[in-house]
PDB file of all heavy atoms in Angstrom:
ATOM      1  N   MET A   1       3.234  -9.849 -15.451  1.00  0.00           N
ATOM      2  CA  MET A   1       4.110  -9.216 -14.600  1.00  0.00           C
ATOM      3  C   MET A   1       4.671 -10.012 -13.508  1.00  0.00           C
ATOM      4  O   MET A   1       3.901 -10.834 -12.861  1.00  0.00           O
ATOM      5  CB  MET A   1       3.297  -8.014 -13.963  1.00  0.00           C
ATOM      6  CG  MET A   1       4.153  -7.139 -13.014  1.00  0.00           C
ATOM      7  SD  MET A   1       3.281  -5.671 -12.326  1.00  0.00           S
ATOM      8  CE  MET A   1       2.929  -4.888 -13.952  1.00  0.00           C
ATOM      9  N   PRO A   2       5.977 -10.123 -13.113  1.00  0.00           N
ATOM     10  CA  PRO A   2       6.625 -10.988 -12.252  1.00  0.00           C
ATOM     11  C   PRO A   2       5.885 -10.820 -10.854  1.00  0.00           C
ATOM     12  O   PRO A   2       5.423  -9.773 -10.517  1.00  0.00           O
ATOM     13  CB  PRO A   2       7.995 -10.493 -12.199  1.00  0.00           C
ATOM     14  CG  PRO A   2       8.183  -9.868 -13.525  1.00  0.00           C
ATOM     15  CD  PRO A   2       6.948  -9.199 -13.801  1.00  0.00           C
ATOM     16  N   LYS A   3       5.777 -12.083 -10.134  1.00  0.00           N
ATOM     17  CA  LYS A   3       5.118 -12.019  -8.875  1.00  0.00           C
ATOM     18  C   LYS A   3       5.691 -11.100  -7.916  1.00  0.00           C
ATOM     19  O   LYS A   3       5.157 -10.498  -7.128  1.00  0.00           O
ATOM     20  CB  LYS A   3       5.168 -13.360  -8.271  1.00  0.00           C
ATOM     21  CG  LYS A   3       4.194 -14.329  -9.095  1.00  0.00           C
ATOM     22  CD  LYS A   3       4.145 -15.684  -8.436  1.00  0.00           C
ATOM     23  CE  LYS A   3       3.200 -16.606  -9.231  1.00  0.00           C
ATOM     24  NZ  LYS A   3       3.131 -18.014  -8.676  1.00  0.00           N
ATOM     25  N   VAL A   4       7.209 -10.979  -7.919  1.00  0.00           N
ATOM     26  CA  VAL A   4       7.906 -10.136  -6.961  1.00  0.00           C
ATOM     27  C   VAL A   4       7.473  -8.607  -7.175  1.00  0.00           C
ATOM     28  O   VAL A   4       7.332  -8.012  -6.241  1.00  0.00           O
ATOM     29  CB  VAL A   4       9.408 -10.332  -7.250  1.00  0.00           C
ATOM     30  CG1 VAL A   4      10.139  -9.373  -6.301  1.00  0.00           C
ATOM     31  CG2 VAL A   4       9.769 -11.761  -6.758  1.00  0.00           C
ATOM     32  N   TYR A   5       7.391  -8.277  -8.498  1.00  0.00           N
ATOM     33  CA  TYR A   5       7.035  -6.818  -8.727  1.00  0.00           C
ATOM     34  C   TYR A   5       5.613  -6.600  -8.235  1.00  0.00           C
ATOM     35  O   TYR A   5       5.300  -5.509  -7.754  1.00  0.00           O
ATOM     36  CB  TYR A   5       7.165  -6.565 -10.330  1.00  0.00           C
ATOM     37  CG  TYR A   5       6.896  -5.178 -10.614  1.00  0.00           C
ATOM     38  CD1 TYR A   5       7.548  -4.089 -10.174  1.00  0.00           C
ATOM     39  CD2 TYR A   5       5.649  -4.902 -11.355  1.00  0.00           C
ATOM     40  CE1 TYR A   5       7.264  -2.862 -10.572  1.00  0.00           C
ATOM     41  CE2 TYR A   5       5.314  -3.670 -11.762  1.00  0.00           C
ATOM     42  CZ  TYR A   5       6.122  -2.540 -11.337  1.00  0.00           C
ATOM     43  OH  TYR A   5       5.902  -1.342 -11.704  1.00  0.00           O
ATOM     44  N   MET A   6       4.744  -7.564  -8.398  1.00  0.00           N
ATOM     45  CA  MET A   6       3.402  -7.316  -8.064  1.00  0.00           C
ATOM     46  C   MET A   6       3.302  -7.349  -6.559  1.00  0.00           C
ATOM     47  O   MET A   6       2.405  -6.528  -5.937  1.00  0.00           O
ATOM     48  CB  MET A   6       2.445  -8.467  -8.562  1.00  0.00           C
ATOM     49  CG  MET A   6       2.272  -8.365 -10.052  1.00  0.00           C
ATOM     50  SD  MET A   6       1.423  -7.097 -10.446  1.00  0.00           S
ATOM     51  CE  MET A   6      -0.194  -7.132  -9.629  1.00  0.00           C
ATOM     52  N   SER A   7       4.134  -8.083  -5.856  1.00  0.00           N
ATOM     53  CA  SER A   7       4.219  -8.044  -4.382  1.00  0.00           C
ATOM     54  C   SER A   7       4.569  -6.701  -3.962  1.00  0.00           C
ATOM     55  O   SER A   7       3.937  -6.159  -3.034  1.00  0.00           O
ATOM     56  CB  SER A   7       5.193  -9.129  -3.913  1.00  0.00           C
ATOM     57  OG  SER A   7       5.297  -9.025  -2.407  1.00  0.00           O
ATOM     58  N   LYS A   8       5.640  -6.114  -4.571  1.00  0.00           N
ATOM     59  CA  LYS A   8       5.935  -4.722  -4.157  1.00  0.00           C
ATOM     60  C   LYS A   8       4.945  -3.769  -4.392  1.00  0.00           C
ATOM     61  O   LYS A   8       4.724  -2.858  -3.582  1.00  0.00           O
ATOM     62  CB  LYS A   8       7.361  -4.535  -4.853  1.00  0.00           C
ATOM     63  CG  LYS A   8       7.853  -3.066  -4.323  1.00  0.00           C
ATOM     64  CD  LYS A   8       9.300  -2.933  -4.922  1.00  0.00           C
ATOM     65  CE  LYS A   8      10.159  -3.799  -4.141  1.00  0.00           C
ATOM     66  NZ  LYS A   8      11.696  -3.366  -4.398  1.00  0.00           N
ATOM     67  N   ILE A   9       4.270  -3.802  -5.560  1.00  0.00           N
ATOM     68  CA  ILE A   9       3.211  -2.833  -5.831  1.00  0.00           C
ATOM     69  C   ILE A   9       2.105  -2.916  -4.734  1.00  0.00           C
ATOM     70  O   ILE A   9       1.576  -2.039  -4.360  1.00  0.00           O
ATOM     71  CB  ILE A   9       2.662  -3.025  -7.255  1.00  0.00           C
ATOM     72  CG1 ILE A   9       3.634  -2.639  -8.271  1.00  0.00           C
ATOM     73  CG2 ILE A   9       1.486  -2.336  -7.443  1.00  0.00           C
ATOM     74  CD1 ILE A   9       3.313  -3.084  -9.699  1.00  0.00           C
ATOM     75  N   GLY A  10       1.803  -4.297  -4.374  1.00  0.00           N
ATOM     76  CA  GLY A  10       0.744  -4.471  -3.470  1.00  0.00           C
ATOM     77  C   GLY A  10       1.013  -3.836  -2.148  1.00  0.00           C
ATOM     78  O   GLY A  10       0.248  -3.135  -1.537  1.00  0.00           O
ATOM     79  N   VAL A  11       2.286  -3.925  -1.716  1.00  0.00           N
ATOM     80  CA  VAL A  11       2.643  -3.433  -0.340  1.00  0.00           C
ATOM     81  C   VAL A  11       2.735  -1.851  -0.398  1.00  0.00           C
ATOM     82  O   VAL A  11       2.363  -1.200   0.506  1.00  0.00           O
ATOM     83  CB  VAL A  11       4.030  -3.987   0.074  1.00  0.00           C
ATOM     84  CG1 VAL A  11       5.238  -3.406  -0.568  1.00  0.00           C
ATOM     85  CG2 VAL A  11       4.093  -3.819   1.720  1.00  0.00           C
ATOM     86  N   ILE A  12       3.105  -1.228  -1.610  1.00  0.00           N
ATOM     87  CA  ILE A  12       3.242   0.082  -1.681  1.00  0.00           C
ATOM     88  C   ILE A  12       1.756   0.582  -1.696  1.00  0.00           C
ATOM     89  O   ILE A  12       1.473   1.681  -1.048  1.00  0.00           O
ATOM     90  CB  ILE A  12       3.872   0.576  -2.918  1.00  0.00           C
ATOM     91  CG1 ILE A  12       5.476   0.132  -2.763  1.00  0.00           C
ATOM     92  CG2 ILE A  12       3.967   2.049  -3.037  1.00  0.00           C
ATOM     93  CD1 ILE A  12       6.225   0.236  -3.982  1.00  0.00           C
ATOM     94  N   SER A  13       0.802  -0.019  -2.332  1.00  0.00           N
ATOM     95  CA  SER A  13      -0.453   0.434  -2.493  1.00  0.00           C
ATOM     96  C   SER A  13      -1.151   0.457  -1.056  1.00  0.00           C
ATOM     97  O   SER A  13      -1.875   1.240  -0.655  1.00  0.00           O
ATOM     98  CB  SER A  13      -1.255  -0.373  -3.425  1.00  0.00           C
ATOM     99  OG  SER A  13      -0.761  -0.372  -4.720  1.00  0.00           O
ATOM    100  N   GLY A  14      -0.968  -0.706  -0.402  1.00  0.00           N
ATOM    101  CA  GLY A  14      -1.431  -0.948   0.845  1.00  0.00           C
ATOM    102  C   GLY A  14      -0.906   0.225   1.974  1.00  0.00           C
ATOM    103  O   GLY A  14      -1.652   0.684   2.722  1.00  0.00           O
ATOM    104  N   LEU A  15       0.372   0.445   1.771  1.00  0.00           N
ATOM    105  CA  LEU A  15       0.936   1.462   2.704  1.00  0.00           C
ATOM    106  C   LEU A  15       0.369   2.815   2.589  1.00  0.00           C
ATOM    107  O   LEU A  15      -0.067   3.448   3.474  1.00  0.00           O
ATOM    108  CB  LEU A  15       2.387   1.586   2.383  1.00  0.00           C
ATOM    109  CG  LEU A  15       3.264   2.603   3.068  1.00  0.00           C
ATOM    110  CD1 LEU A  15       3.122   2.439   4.653  1.00  0.00           C
ATOM    111  CD2 LEU A  15       4.668   2.574   2.651  1.00  0.00           C
ATOM    112  N   MET A  16      -0.020   3.120   1.237  1.00  0.00           N
ATOM    113  CA  MET A  16      -0.556   4.502   0.961  1.00  0.00           C
ATOM    114  C   MET A  16      -1.970   4.455   1.637  1.00  0.00           C
ATOM    115  O   MET A  16      -2.340   5.393   2.288  1.00  0.00           O
ATOM    116  CB  MET A  16      -0.792   4.626  -0.546  1.00  0.00           C
ATOM    117  CG  MET A  16       0.560   4.725  -1.359  1.00  0.00           C
ATOM    118  SD  MET A  16       1.520   6.110  -0.885  1.00  0.00           S
ATOM    119  CE  MET A  16       2.772   5.429   0.239  1.00  0.00           C
ATOM    120  N   ALA A  17      -2.734   3.396   1.408  1.00  0.00           N
ATOM    121  CA  ALA A  17      -4.073   3.379   2.015  1.00  0.00           C
ATOM    122  C   ALA A  17      -4.046   3.426   3.595  1.00  0.00           C
ATOM    123  O   ALA A  17      -4.790   4.211   4.218  1.00  0.00           O
ATOM    124  CB  ALA A  17      -4.811   2.057   1.520  1.00  0.00           C
ATOM    125  N   LEU A  18      -3.055   2.734   4.180  1.00  0.00           N
ATOM    126  CA  LEU A  18      -3.075   2.682   5.644  1.00  0.00           C
ATOM    127  C   LEU A  18      -2.580   3.956   6.139  1.00  0.00           C
ATOM    128  O   LEU A  18      -3.058   4.483   7.210  1.00  0.00           O
ATOM    129  CB  LEU A  18      -2.226   1.535   6.062  1.00  0.00           C
ATOM    130  CG  LEU A  18      -2.134   1.326   7.567  1.00  0.00           C
ATOM    131  CD1 LEU A  18      -3.602   0.872   7.987  1.00  0.00           C
ATOM    132  CD2 LEU A  18      -1.205   0.326   8.074  1.00  0.00           C
ATOM    133  N   LEU A  19      -1.681   4.643   5.376  1.00  0.00           N
ATOM    134  CA  LEU A  19      -1.242   6.040   5.885  1.00  0.00           C
ATOM    135  C   LEU A  19      -2.287   6.821   5.884  1.00  0.00           C
ATOM    136  O   LEU A  19      -2.434   7.807   6.591  1.00  0.00           O
ATOM    137  CB  LEU A  19       0.008   6.391   5.153  1.00  0.00           C
ATOM    138  CG  LEU A  19       1.279   5.724   5.274  1.00  0.00           C
ATOM    139  CD1 LEU A  19       2.282   6.071   4.212  1.00  0.00           C
ATOM    140  CD2 LEU A  19       1.897   6.027   6.780  1.00  0.00           C
ATOM    141  N   ALA A  20      -3.188   6.755   4.845  1.00  0.00           N
ATOM    142  CA  ALA A  20      -4.388   7.648   4.811  1.00  0.00           C
ATOM    143  C   ALA A  20      -5.319   7.379   6.141  1.00  0.00           C
ATOM    144  O   ALA A  20      -5.658   8.467   6.710  1.00  0.00           O
ATOM    145  CB  ALA A  20      -5.225   7.412   3.593  1.00  0.00           C
ATOM    146  N   MET A  21      -5.458   6.099   6.429  1.00  0.00           N
ATOM    147  CA  MET A  21      -6.202   5.932   7.646  1.00  0.00           C
ATOM    148  C   MET A  21      -5.565   6.517   8.861  1.00  0.00           C
ATOM    149  O   MET A  21      -6.153   7.081   9.739  1.00  0.00           O
ATOM    150  CB  MET A  21      -6.358   4.466   7.836  1.00  0.00           C
ATOM    151  CG  MET A  21      -7.256   3.781   6.699  1.00  0.00           C
ATOM    152  SD  MET A  21      -7.177   2.023   6.878  1.00  0.00           S
ATOM    153  CE  MET A  21      -7.943   1.688   8.457  1.00  0.00           C
ATOM    154  N   THR A  22      -4.333   6.299   8.953  1.00  0.00           N
ATOM    155  CA  THR A  22      -3.456   6.841  10.099  1.00  0.00           C
ATOM    156  C   THR A  22      -3.614   8.352  10.275  1.00  0.00           C
ATOM    157  O   THR A  22      -3.609   8.856  11.353  1.00  0.00           O
ATOM    158  CB  THR A  22      -2.011   6.378   9.941  1.00  0.00           C
ATOM    159  OG1 THR A  22      -2.051   4.955   9.884  1.00  0.00           O
ATOM    160  CG2 THR A  22      -1.263   6.762  11.191  1.00  0.00           C
ATOM    161  N   SER A  23      -3.472   8.974   9.084  1.00  0.00           N
ATOM    162  CA  SER A  23      -3.352  10.469   9.076  1.00  0.00           C
ATOM    163  C   SER A  23      -4.604  11.250   9.046  1.00  0.00           C
ATOM    164  O   SER A  23      -4.837  12.391   9.524  1.00  0.00           O
ATOM    165  CB  SER A  23      -2.406  10.954   8.008  1.00  0.00           C
ATOM    166  OG  SER A  23      -2.937  10.604   6.682  1.00  0.00           O
ATOM    167  N   CYS A  24      -5.814  10.586   8.427  1.00  0.00           N
ATOM    168  CA  CYS A  24      -6.927  11.406   8.253  1.00  0.00           C
ATOM    169  C   CYS A  24      -8.077  10.952   9.109  1.00  0.00           C
ATOM    170  O   CYS A  24      -9.118  11.656   9.283  1.00  0.00           O
ATOM    171  CB  CYS A  24      -7.321  11.144   6.793  1.00  0.00           C
ATOM    172  SG  CYS A  24      -6.132  11.765   5.658  1.00  0.00           S
ATOM    173  N   LYS A  25      -8.144   9.734   9.670  1.00  0.00           N
ATOM    174  CA  LYS A  25      -9.292   9.239  10.352  1.00  0.00           C
ATOM    175  C   LYS A  25      -9.366   9.914  11.745  1.00  0.00           C
ATOM    176  O   LYS A  25      -8.364   9.887  12.461  1.00  0.00           O
ATOM    177  CB  LYS A  25      -9.143   7.750  10.427  1.00  0.00           C
ATOM    178  CG  LYS A  25     -10.571   7.017  10.308  1.00  0.00           C
ATOM    179  CD  LYS A  25     -10.289   5.468  10.257  1.00  0.00           C
ATOM    180  CE  LYS A  25     -11.628   4.743  10.129  1.00  0.00           C
ATOM    181  NZ  LYS A  25     -11.626   3.415  10.026  1.00  0.00           N
ATOM    182  N   ASP A  26     -10.571  10.259  12.178  1.00  0.00           N
ATOM    183  CA  ASP A  26     -10.678  10.828  13.542  1.00  0.00           C
ATOM    184  C   ASP A  26     -11.234   9.779  14.431  1.00  0.00           C
ATOM    185  O   ASP A  26     -12.430   9.358  14.380  1.00  0.00           O
ATOM    186  CB  ASP A  26     -11.875  11.853  13.301  1.00  0.00           C
ATOM    187  CG  ASP A  26     -12.028  12.739  14.610  1.00  0.00           C
ATOM    188  OD1 ASP A  26     -11.200  12.627  15.486  1.00  0.00           O
ATOM    189  OD2 ASP A  26     -13.070  13.433  14.739  1.00  0.00           O
TER     190      ASP A  26
END
C-alpha cells in the first residue's frame, strides 16, 4: 500500500482515538 495512503489512514485512525479520549474521558 502506498506510503501516502498509509499516512492518511494513520492520521484518521489516530483522530478517532483522540476524539474518543476528548469526548469520553472524565
